[in-house]
Amino acid sequence: QDGAQLHGRILKLGIECDPFIRNTIIYMYSNCGYLVEA
């Protein structure tokens, strides 16, 4: 949930498409059980 705020910053910066960043966001959501978001 706190990481989602940082995800919002990534969206504002327009760098979510960076594979390295995107992979770690997916990892965060899936590891914490937020499978819909992941």
PDB file of all heavy atoms in Angstrom:
ATOM      1  N   GLN A   1       0.832  -1.208   0.000  1.00  0.00           N
ATOM      2  CA  GLN A   1       0.000   0.000   0.000  1.00  0.00           C
ATOM      3  C   GLN A   1       0.867   1.259   0.000  1.00  0.00           C
ATOM      4  O   GLN A   1       0.580   2.223  -0.714  1.00  0.00           O
ATOM      5  CB  GLN A   1      -0.933  -0.004   1.211  1.00  0.00           C
ATOM      6  CG  GLN A   1      -2.068  -1.019   1.083  1.00  0.00           C
ATOM      7  CD  GLN A   1      -3.002  -0.982   2.277  1.00  0.00           C
ATOM      8  OE1 GLN A   1      -2.548  -0.871   3.425  1.00  0.00           O
ATOM      9  NE2 GLN A   1      -4.296  -1.080   2.025  1.00  0.00           N
ATOM     10  N   ASP A   2       1.939   1.255   0.801  1.00  0.00           N
ATOM     11  CA  ASP A   2       2.869   2.392   0.795  1.00  0.00           C
ATOM     12  C   ASP A   2       3.638   2.426  -0.521  1.00  0.00           C
ATOM     13  O   ASP A   2       3.908   3.502  -1.071  1.00  0.00           O
ATOM     14  CB  ASP A   2       3.842   2.291   1.971  1.00  0.00           C
ATOM     15  CG  ASP A   2       3.152   2.455   3.314  1.00  0.00           C
ATOM     16  OD1 ASP A   2       2.075   3.088   3.341  1.00  0.00           O
ATOM     17  OD2 ASP A   2       3.670   1.951   4.322  1.00  0.00           O
ATOM     18  N   GLY A   3       3.996   1.229  -1.027  1.00  0.00           N
ATOM     19  CA  GLY A   3       4.697   1.164  -2.303  1.00  0.00           C
ATOM     20  C   GLY A   3       3.862   1.694  -3.451  1.00  0.00           C
ATOM     21  O   GLY A   3       4.400   2.207  -4.438  1.00  0.00           O
ATOM     22  N   ALA A   4       2.528   1.601  -3.327  1.00  0.00           N
ATOM     23  CA  ALA A   4       1.635   2.109  -4.375  1.00  0.00           C
ATOM     24  C   ALA A   4       1.783   3.632  -4.525  1.00  0.00           C
ATOM     25  O   ALA A   4       1.606   4.177  -5.629  1.00  0.00           O
ATOM     26  CB  ALA A   4       0.197   1.743  -4.054  1.00  0.00           C
ATOM     27  N   GLN A   5       2.100   4.325  -3.419  1.00  0.00           N
ATOM     28  CA  GLN A   5       2.329   5.775  -3.505  1.00  0.00           C
ATOM     29  C   GLN A   5       3.561   6.075  -4.351  1.00  0.00           C
ATOM     30  O   GLN A   5       3.576   7.009  -5.163  1.00  0.00           O
ATOM     31  CB  GLN A   5       2.493   6.352  -2.106  1.00  0.00           C
ATOM     32  CG  GLN A   5       1.243   6.230  -1.245  1.00  0.00           C
ATOM     33  CD  GLN A   5       1.446   6.822   0.138  1.00  0.00           C
ATOM     34  OE1 GLN A   5       2.201   7.779   0.321  1.00  0.00           O
ATOM     35  NE2 GLN A   5       0.772   6.258   1.126  1.00  0.00           N
ATOM     36  N   LEU A   6       4.599   5.266  -4.170  1.00  0.00           N
ATOM     37  CA  LEU A   6       5.803   5.426  -4.996  1.00  0.00           C
ATOM     38  C   LEU A   6       5.486   5.077  -6.449  1.00  0.00           C
ATOM     39  O   LEU A   6       6.015   5.698  -7.374  1.00  0.00           O
ATOM     40  CB  LEU A   6       6.927   4.539  -4.461  1.00  0.00           C
ATOM     41  CG  LEU A   6       8.297   4.706  -5.130  1.00  0.00           C
ATOM     42  CD1 LEU A   6       8.850   6.098  -4.879  1.00  0.00           C
ATOM     43  CD2 LEU A   6       9.274   3.654  -4.626  1.00  0.00           C
ATOM     44  N   HIS A   7       4.606   4.099  -6.655  1.00  0.00           N
ATOM     45  CA  HIS A   7       4.168   3.755  -8.006  1.00  0.00           C
ATOM     46  C   HIS A   7       3.497   4.964  -8.656  1.00  0.00           C
ATOM     47  O   HIS A   7       3.691   5.238  -9.850  1.00  0.00           O
ATOM     48  CB  HIS A   7       3.196   2.569  -7.943  1.00  0.00           C
ATOM     49  CG  HIS A   7       2.785   2.054  -9.286  1.00  0.00           C
ATOM     50  ND1 HIS A   7       1.763   1.135  -9.449  1.00  0.00           N
ATOM     51  CD2 HIS A   7       3.235   2.339 -10.544  1.00  0.00           C
ATOM     52  CE1 HIS A   7       1.615   0.870 -10.735  1.00  0.00           C
ATOM     53  NE2 HIS A   7       2.488   1.592 -11.406  1.00  0.00           N
ATOM     54  N   GLY A   8       2.728   5.708  -7.854  1.00  0.00           N
ATOM     55  CA  GLY A   8       2.104   6.936  -8.368  1.00  0.00           C
ATOM     56  C   GLY A   8       3.138   7.936  -8.832  1.00  0.00           C
ATOM     57  O   GLY A   8       2.961   8.607  -9.865  1.00  0.00           O
ATOM     58  N   ARG A   9       4.244   8.059  -8.091  1.00  0.00           N
ATOM     59  CA  ARG A   9       5.326   8.978  -8.490  1.00  0.00           C
ATOM     60  C   ARG A   9       5.935   8.524  -9.818  1.00  0.00           C
ATOM     61  O   ARG A   9       6.240   9.354 -10.682  1.00  0.00           O
ATOM     62  CB  ARG A   9       6.388   9.003  -7.391  1.00  0.00           C
ATOM     63  CG  ARG A   9       7.593   9.886  -7.701  1.00  0.00           C
ATOM     64  CD  ARG A   9       8.645   9.777  -6.598  1.00  0.00           C
ATOM     65  NE  ARG A   9       9.850  10.515  -6.956  1.00  0.00           N
ATOM     66  CZ  ARG A   9      10.061  11.788  -6.668  1.00  0.00           C
ATOM     67  NH1 ARG A   9       9.145  12.495  -6.026  1.00  0.00           N
ATOM     68  NH2 ARG A   9      11.193  12.388  -7.024  1.00  0.00           N
ATOM     69  N   ILE A  10       6.079   7.198  -9.970  1.00  0.00           N
ATOM     70  CA  ILE A  10       6.629   6.644 -11.216  1.00  0.00           C
ATOM     71  C   ILE A  10       5.739   7.002 -12.398  1.00  0.00           C
ATOM     72  O   ILE A  10       6.218   7.358 -13.486  1.00  0.00           O
ATOM     73  CB  ILE A  10       6.776   5.109 -11.099  1.00  0.00           C
ATOM     74  CG1 ILE A  10       7.806   4.741 -10.020  1.00  0.00           C
ATOM     75  CG2 ILE A  10       7.148   4.477 -12.432  1.00  0.00           C
ATOM     76  CD1 ILE A  10       9.207   5.212 -10.274  1.00  0.00           C
ATOM     77  N   LEU A  11       4.415   6.915 -12.199  1.00  0.00           N
ATOM     78  CA  LEU A  11       3.465   7.258 -13.268  1.00  0.00           C
ATOM     79  C   LEU A  11       3.571   8.734 -13.640  1.00  0.00           C
ATOM     80  O   LEU A  11       3.530   9.092 -14.822  1.00  0.00           O
ATOM     81  CB  LEU A  11       2.039   6.925 -12.827  1.00  0.00           C
ATOM     82  CG  LEU A  11       1.698   5.430 -12.705  1.00  0.00           C
ATOM     83  CD1 LEU A  11       0.361   5.237 -12.014  1.00  0.00           C
ATOM     84  CD2 LEU A  11       1.693   4.780 -14.087  1.00  0.00           C
ATOM     85  N   LYS A  12       3.723   9.588 -12.629  1.00  0.00           N
ATOM     86  CA  LYS A  12       3.867  11.021 -12.893  1.00  0.00           C
ATOM     87  C   LYS A  12       5.138  11.328 -13.677  1.00  0.00           C
ATOM     88  O   LYS A  12       5.161  12.186 -14.554  1.00  0.00           O
ATOM     89  CB  LYS A  12       3.886  11.804 -11.574  1.00  0.00           C
ATOM     90  CG  LYS A  12       2.518  11.953 -10.931  1.00  0.00           C
ATOM     91  CD  LYS A  12       2.616  12.804  -9.669  1.00  0.00           C
ATOM     92  CE  LYS A  12       1.253  12.970  -9.033  1.00  0.00           C
ATOM     93  NZ  LYS A  12       1.320  13.788  -7.777  1.00  0.00           N
ATOM     94  N   LEU A  13       6.198  10.591 -13.335  1.00  0.00           N
ATOM     95  CA  LEU A  13       7.479  10.795 -14.035  1.00  0.00           C
ATOM     96  C   LEU A  13       7.469  10.166 -15.427  1.00  0.00           C
ATOM     97  O   LEU A  13       8.381  10.431 -16.227  1.00  0.00           O
ATOM     98  CB  LEU A  13       8.625  10.203 -13.207  1.00  0.00           C
ATOM     99  CG  LEU A  13       8.931  10.893 -11.860  1.00  0.00           C
ATOM    100  CD1 LEU A  13       9.915  10.072 -11.061  1.00  0.00           C
ATOM    101  CD2 LEU A  13       9.484  12.302 -12.108  1.00  0.00           C
ATOM    102  N   GLY A  14       6.486   9.289 -15.702  1.00  0.00           N
ATOM    103  CA  GLY A  14       6.380   8.660 -17.016  1.00  0.00           C
ATOM    104  C   GLY A  14       7.434   7.597 -17.277  1.00  0.00           C
ATOM    105  O   GLY A  14       7.832   7.390 -18.425  1.00  0.00           O
ATOM    106  N   ILE A  15       7.880   6.905 -16.224  1.00  0.00           N
ATOM    107  CA  ILE A  15       8.941   5.898 -16.413  1.00  0.00           C
ATOM    108  C   ILE A  15       8.470   4.486 -16.053  1.00  0.00           C
ATOM    109  O   ILE A  15       9.284   3.590 -15.851  1.00  0.00           O
ATOM    110  CB  ILE A  15      10.203   6.269 -15.592  1.00  0.00           C
ATOM    111  CG1 ILE A  15       9.870   6.474 -14.108  1.00  0.00           C
ATOM    112  CG2 ILE A  15      10.866   7.509 -16.167  1.00  0.00           C
ATOM    113  CD1 ILE A  15      11.089   6.726 -13.232  1.00  0.00           C
ATOM    114  N   GLU A  16       7.146   4.276 -15.988  1.00  0.00           N
ATOM    115  CA  GLU A  16       6.634   2.947 -15.668  1.00  0.00           C
ATOM    116  C   GLU A  16       6.975   1.937 -16.761  1.00  0.00           C
ATOM    117  O   GLU A  16       7.083   0.737 -16.502  1.00  0.00           O
ATOM    118  CB  GLU A  16       5.106   2.991 -15.496  1.00  0.00           C
ATOM    119  CG  GLU A  16       4.526   1.691 -14.969  1.00  0.00           C
ATOM    120  CD  GLU A  16       3.006   1.645 -15.055  1.00  0.00           C
ATOM    121  OE1 GLU A  16       2.453   1.936 -16.137  1.00  0.00           O
ATOM    122  OE2 GLU A  16       2.379   1.310 -14.041  1.00  0.00           O
ATOM    123  N   CYS A  17       7.172   2.434 -17.979  1.00  0.00           N
ATOM    124  CA  CYS A  17       7.476   1.530 -19.097  1.00  0.00           C
ATOM    125  C   CYS A  17       8.899   0.975 -19.042  1.00  0.00           C
ATOM    126  O   CYS A  17       9.239   0.055 -19.785  1.00  0.00           O
ATOM    127  CB  CYS A  17       7.239   2.224 -20.434  1.00  0.00           C
ATOM    128  SG  CYS A  17       8.210   3.732 -20.630  1.00  0.00           S
ATOM    129  N   ASP A  18       9.744   1.538 -18.158  1.00  0.00           N
ATOM    130  CA  ASP A  18      11.094   1.002 -18.003  1.00  0.00           C
ATOM    131  C   ASP A  18      10.999  -0.423 -17.464  1.00  0.00           C
ATOM    132  O   ASP A  18      10.442  -0.648 -16.381  1.00  0.00           O
ATOM    133  CB  ASP A  18      11.900   1.874 -17.033  1.00  0.00           C
ATOM    134  CG  ASP A  18      13.325   1.386 -16.858  1.00  0.00           C
ATOM    135  OD1 ASP A  18      13.522   0.455 -16.046  1.00  0.00           O
ATOM    136  OD2 ASP A  18      14.223   1.908 -17.520  1.00  0.00           O
ATOM    137  N   PRO A  19      11.521  -1.432 -18.197  1.00  0.00           N
ATOM    138  CA  PRO A  19      11.338  -2.838 -17.778  1.00  0.00           C
ATOM    139  C   PRO A  19      11.859  -3.145 -16.371  1.00  0.00           C
ATOM    140  O   PRO A  19      11.233  -3.895 -15.620  1.00  0.00           O
ATOM    141  CB  PRO A  19      12.122  -3.627 -18.842  1.00  0.00           C
ATOM    142  CG  PRO A  19      12.213  -2.722 -20.009  1.00  0.00           C
ATOM    143  CD  PRO A  19      12.268  -1.333 -19.453  1.00  0.00           C
ATOM    144  N   PHE A  20      13.014  -2.546 -16.030  1.00  0.00           N
ATOM    145  CA  PHE A  20      13.614  -2.823 -14.733  1.00  0.00           C
ATOM    146  C   PHE A  20      12.714  -2.325 -13.609  1.00  0.00           C
ATOM    147  O   PHE A  20      12.472  -3.024 -12.606  1.00  0.00           O
ATOM    148  CB  PHE A  20      14.991  -2.158 -14.666  1.00  0.00           C
ATOM    149  CG  PHE A  20      15.875  -2.661 -13.566  1.00  0.00           C
ATOM    150  CD1 PHE A  20      15.762  -3.955 -13.082  1.00  0.00           C
ATOM    151  CD2 PHE A  20      16.837  -1.828 -12.997  1.00  0.00           C
ATOM    152  CE1 PHE A  20      16.585  -4.426 -12.063  1.00  0.00           C
ATOM    153  CE2 PHE A  20      17.666  -2.290 -11.979  1.00  0.00           C
ATOM    154  CZ  PHE A  20      17.530  -3.580 -11.512  1.00  0.00           C
ATOM    155  N   ILE A  21      12.176  -1.111 -13.760  1.00  0.00           N
ATOM    156  CA  ILE A  21      11.275  -0.544 -12.748  1.00  0.00           C
ATOM    157  C   ILE A  21       9.963  -1.320 -12.711  1.00  0.00           C
ATOM    158  O   ILE A  21       9.460  -1.679 -11.646  1.00  0.00           O
ATOM    159  CB  ILE A  21      11.015   0.955 -13.041  1.00  0.00           C
ATOM    160  CG1 ILE A  21      12.315   1.759 -12.871  1.00  0.00           C
ATOM    161  CG2 ILE A  21       9.925   1.504 -12.125  1.00  0.00           C
ATOM    162  CD1 ILE A  21      12.212   3.206 -13.272  1.00  0.00           C
ATOM    163  N   ARG A  22       9.412  -1.593 -13.897  1.00  0.00           N
ATOM    164  CA  ARG A  22       8.132  -2.298 -13.975  1.00  0.00           C
ATOM    165  C   ARG A  22       8.217  -3.689 -13.328  1.00  0.00           C
ATOM    166  O   ARG A  22       7.306  -4.124 -12.613  1.00  0.00           O
ATOM    167  CB  ARG A  22       7.708  -2.423 -15.436  1.00  0.00           C
ATOM    168  CG  ARG A  22       6.313  -3.012 -15.612  1.00  0.00           C
ATOM    169  CD  ARG A  22       5.902  -2.979 -17.072  1.00  0.00           C
ATOM    170  NE  ARG A  22       6.708  -3.873 -17.884  1.00  0.00           N
ATOM    171  CZ  ARG A  22       7.304  -3.534 -19.018  1.00  0.00           C
ATOM    172  NH1 ARG A  22       7.222  -2.299 -19.474  1.00  0.00           N
ATOM    173  NH2 ARG A  22       8.005  -4.418 -19.707  1.00  0.00           N
ATOM    174  N   ASN A  23       9.310  -4.377 -13.565  1.00  0.00           N
ATOM    175  CA  ASN A  23       9.481  -5.716 -12.980  1.00  0.00           C
ATOM    176  C   ASN A  23       9.449  -5.692 -11.460  1.00  0.00           C
ATOM    177  O   ASN A  23       8.860  -6.565 -10.818  1.00  0.00           O
ATOM    178  CB  ASN A  23      10.791  -6.339 -13.453  1.00  0.00           C
ATOM    179  CG  ASN A  23      10.727  -6.809 -14.887  1.00  0.00           C
ATOM    180  OD1 ASN A  23       9.648  -6.923 -15.461  1.00  0.00           O
ATOM    181  ND2 ASN A  23      11.872  -7.082 -15.484  1.00  0.00           N
ATOM    182  N   THR A  24      10.094  -4.692 -10.882  1.00  0.00           N
ATOM    183  CA  THR A  24      10.131  -4.632  -9.411  1.00  0.00           C
ATOM    184  C   THR A  24       8.782  -4.213  -8.840  1.00  0.00           C
ATOM    185  O   THR A  24       8.433  -4.609  -7.725  1.00  0.00           O
ATOM    186  CB  THR A  24      11.234  -3.681  -8.910  1.00  0.00           C
ATOM    187  OG1 THR A  24      11.105  -2.406  -9.552  1.00  0.00           O
ATOM    188  CG2 THR A  24      12.607  -4.248  -9.176  1.00  0.00           C
ATOM    189  N   ILE A  25       8.003  -3.420  -9.591  1.00  0.00           N
ATOM    190  CA  ILE A  25       6.647  -3.078  -9.131  1.00  0.00           C
ATOM    191  C   ILE A  25       5.774  -4.335  -9.141  1.00  0.00           C
ATOM    192  O   ILE A  25       5.026  -4.601  -8.196  1.00  0.00           O
ATOM    193  CB  ILE A  25       6.030  -1.971 -10.020  1.00  0.00           C
ATOM    194  CG1 ILE A  25       6.861  -0.687  -9.949  1.00  0.00           C
ATOM    195  CG2 ILE A  25       4.596  -1.680  -9.572  1.00  0.00           C
ATOM    196  CD1 ILE A  25       6.409   0.398 -10.914  1.00  0.00           C
ATOM    197  N   ILE A  26       5.858  -5.107 -10.226  1.00  0.00           N
ATOM    198  CA  ILE A  26       5.111  -6.374 -10.311  1.00  0.00           C
ATOM    199  C   ILE A  26       5.525  -7.301  -9.171  1.00  0.00           C
ATOM    200  O   ILE A  26       4.675  -7.923  -8.522  1.00  0.00           O
ATOM    201  CB  ILE A  26       5.347  -7.051 -11.682  1.00  0.00           C
ATOM    202  CG1 ILE A  26       4.695  -6.241 -12.797  1.00  0.00           C
ATOM    203  CG2 ILE A  26       4.802  -8.482 -11.681  1.00  0.00           C
ATOM    204  CD1 ILE A  26       5.052  -6.723 -14.204  1.00  0.00           C
ATOM    205  N   TYR A  27       6.828  -7.373  -8.916  1.00  0.00           N
ATOM    206  CA  TYR A  27       7.336  -8.219  -7.841  1.00  0.00           C
ATOM    207  C   TYR A  27       6.773  -7.775  -6.493  1.00  0.00           C
ATOM    208  O   TYR A  27       6.352  -8.602  -5.678  1.00  0.00           O
ATOM    209  CB  TYR A  27       8.860  -8.171  -7.809  1.00  0.00           C
ATOM    210  CG  TYR A  27       9.480  -8.835  -6.602  1.00  0.00           C
ATOM    211  CD1 TYR A  27       9.501 -10.216  -6.477  1.00  0.00           C
ATOM    212  CD2 TYR A  27      10.019  -8.071  -5.565  1.00  0.00           C
ATOM    213  CE1 TYR A  27      10.061 -10.831  -5.357  1.00  0.00           C
ATOM    214  CE2 TYR A  27      10.580  -8.670  -4.448  1.00  0.00           C
ATOM    215  CZ  TYR A  27      10.595 -10.053  -4.353  1.00  0.00           C
ATOM    216  OH  TYR A  27      11.134 -10.645  -3.242  1.00  0.00           O
ATOM    217  N   MET A  28       6.744  -6.460  -6.256  1.00  0.00           N
ATOM    218  CA  MET A  28       6.231  -5.940  -4.986  1.00  0.00           C
ATOM    219  C   MET A  28       4.769  -6.325  -4.790  1.00  0.00           C
ATOM    220  O   MET A  28       4.382  -6.874  -3.747  1.00  0.00           O
ATOM    221  CB  MET A  28       6.366  -4.423  -4.938  1.00  0.00           C
ATOM    222  CG  MET A  28       5.761  -3.796  -3.684  1.00  0.00           C
ATOM    223  SD  MET A  28       5.604  -2.016  -3.789  1.00  0.00           S
ATOM    224  CE  MET A  28       4.268  -1.854  -4.996  1.00  0.00           C
ATOM    225  N   TYR A  29       3.941  -6.062  -5.810  1.00  0.00           N
ATOM    226  CA  TYR A  29       2.509  -6.362  -5.680  1.00  0.00           C
ATOM    227  C   TYR A  29       2.268  -7.867  -5.500  1.00  0.00           C
ATOM    228  O   TYR A  29       1.502  -8.288  -4.633  1.00  0.00           O
ATOM    229  CB  TYR A  29       1.753  -5.866  -6.912  1.00  0.00           C
ATOM    230  CG  TYR A  29       1.506  -4.373  -6.934  1.00  0.00           C
ATOM    231  CD1 TYR A  29       1.789  -3.611  -8.068  1.00  0.00           C
ATOM    232  CD2 TYR A  29       0.980  -3.712  -5.823  1.00  0.00           C
ATOM    233  CE1 TYR A  29       1.555  -2.236  -8.097  1.00  0.00           C
ATOM    234  CE2 TYR A  29       0.748  -2.336  -5.839  1.00  0.00           C
ATOM    235  CZ  TYR A  29       1.042  -1.605  -6.983  1.00  0.00           C
ATOM    236  OH  TYR A  29       0.809  -0.257  -6.996  1.00  0.00           O
ATOM    237  N   SER A  30       2.916  -8.684  -6.317  1.00  0.00           N
ATOM    238  CA  SER A  30       2.674 -10.134  -6.254  1.00  0.00           C
ATOM    239  C   SER A  30       3.200 -10.725  -4.952  1.00  0.00           C
ATOM    240  O   SER A  30       2.561 -11.590  -4.349  1.00  0.00           O
ATOM    241  CB  SER A  30       3.313 -10.840  -7.451  1.00  0.00           C
ATOM    242  OG  SER A  30       4.719 -10.669  -7.460  1.00  0.00           O
ATOM    243  N   ASN A  31       4.349 -10.257  -4.489  1.00  0.00           N
ATOM    244  CA  ASN A  31       4.938 -10.772  -3.250  1.00  0.00           C
ATOM    245  C   ASN A  31       4.080 -10.438  -2.037  1.00  0.00           C
ATOM    246  O   ASN A  31       4.048 -11.186  -1.066  1.00  0.00           O
ATOM    247  CB  ASN A  31       6.344 -10.194  -3.060  1.00  0.00           C
ATOM    248  CG  ASN A  31       7.103 -10.854  -1.928  1.00  0.00           C
ATOM    249  OD1 ASN A  31       7.453 -12.020  -1.996  1.00  0.00           O
ATOM    250  ND2 ASN A  31       7.364 -10.106  -0.866  1.00  0.00           N
ATOM    251  N   CYS A  32       3.355  -9.299  -2.106  1.00  0.00           N
ATOM    252  CA  CYS A  32       2.520  -8.862  -0.980  1.00  0.00           C
ATOM    253  C   CYS A  32       1.079  -9.343  -1.107  1.00  0.00           C
ATOM    254  O   CYS A  32       0.230  -8.983  -0.282  1.00  0.00           O
ATOM    255  CB  CYS A  32       2.552  -7.340  -0.872  1.00  0.00           C
ATOM    256  SG  CYS A  32       4.183  -6.668  -0.487  1.00  0.00           S
ATOM    257  N   GLY A  33       0.787 -10.133  -2.150  1.00  0.00           N
ATOM    258  CA  GLY A  33      -0.561 -10.675  -2.299  1.00  0.00           C
ATOM    259  C   GLY A  33      -1.527  -9.787  -3.045  1.00  0.00           C
ATOM    260  O   GLY A  33      -2.721 -10.098  -3.134  1.00  0.00           O
ATOM    261  N   TYR A  34      -1.049  -8.683  -3.613  1.00  0.00           N
ATOM    262  CA  TYR A  34      -1.907  -7.791  -4.409  1.00  0.00           C
ATOM    263  C   TYR A  34      -1.869  -8.270  -5.864  1.00  0.00           C
ATOM    264  O   TYR A  34      -1.305  -7.624  -6.751  1.00  0.00           O
ATOM    265  CB  TYR A  34      -1.419  -6.344  -4.292  1.00  0.00           C
ATOM    266  CG  TYR A  34      -1.703  -5.724  -2.945  1.00  0.00           C
ATOM    267  CD1 TYR A  34      -0.966  -6.069  -1.815  1.00  0.00           C
ATOM    268  CD2 TYR A  34      -2.724  -4.787  -2.788  1.00  0.00           C
ATOM    269  CE1 TYR A  34      -1.227  -5.513  -0.570  1.00  0.00           C
ATOM    270  CE2 TYR A  34      -2.995  -4.211  -1.554  1.00  0.00           C
ATOM    271  CZ  TYR A  34      -2.248  -4.582  -0.451  1.00  0.00           C
ATOM    272  OH  TYR A  34      -2.523  -4.017   0.771  1.00  0.00           O
ATOM    273  N   LEU A  35      -2.501  -9.429  -6.092  1.00  0.00           N
ATOM    274  CA  LEU A  35      -2.361 -10.104  -7.383  1.00  0.00           C
ATOM    275  C   LEU A  35      -3.152  -9.419  -8.492  1.00  0.00           C
ATOM    276  O   LEU A  35      -2.767  -9.509  -9.665  1.00  0.00           O
ATOM    277  CB  LEU A  35      -2.790 -11.562  -7.239  1.00  0.00           C
ATOM    278  CG  LEU A  35      -1.930 -12.382  -6.270  1.00  0.00           C
ATOM    279  CD1 LEU A  35      -2.519 -13.757  -6.049  1.00  0.00           C
ATOM    280  CD2 LEU A  35      -0.497 -12.502  -6.783  1.00  0.00           C
ATOM    281  N   VAL A  36      -4.247  -8.745  -8.150  1.00  0.00           N
ATOM    282  CA  VAL A  36      -5.024  -8.015  -9.168  1.00  0.00           C
ATOM    283  C   VAL A  36      -4.180  -6.889  -9.748  1.00  0.00           C
ATOM    284  O   VAL A  36      -4.103  -6.707 -10.969  1.00  0.00           O
ATOM    285  CB  VAL A  36      -6.332  -7.456  -8.554  1.00  0.00           C
ATOM    286  CG1 VAL A  36      -7.047  -6.557  -9.564  1.00  0.00           C
ATOM    287  CG2 VAL A  36      -7.232  -8.592  -8.110  1.00  0.00           C
ATOM    288  N   GLU A  37      -3.511  -6.133  -8.863  1.00  0.00           N
ATOM    289  CA  GLU A  37      -2.664  -5.014  -9.318  1.00  0.00           C
ATOM    290  C   GLU A  37      -1.463  -5.536 -10.117  1.00  0.00           C
ATOM    291  O   GLU A  37      -1.092  -4.976 -11.149  1.00  0.00           O
ATOM    292  CB  GLU A  37      -2.185  -4.195  -8.116  1.00  0.00           C
ATOM    293  CG  GLU A  37      -3.260  -3.386  -7.414  1.00  0.00           C
ATOM    294  CD  GLU A  37      -4.110  -4.217  -6.468  1.00  0.00           C
ATOM    295  OE1 GLU A  37      -3.896  -5.442  -6.363  1.00  0.00           O
ATOM    296  OE2 GLU A  37      -5.001  -3.624  -5.824  1.00  0.00           O
ATOM    297  N   ALA A  38      -0.871  -6.629  -9.616  1.00  0.00           N
ATOM    298  CA  ALA A  38       0.282  -7.205 -10.315  1.00  0.00           C
ATOM    299  C   ALA A  38      -0.130  -7.714 -11.694  1.00  0.00           C
ATOM    300  O   ALA A  38       0.563  -7.480 -12.700  1.00  0.00           O
ATOM    301  CB  ALA A  38       0.869  -8.348  -9.488  1.00  0.00           C
TER     302      ALA A  38
END
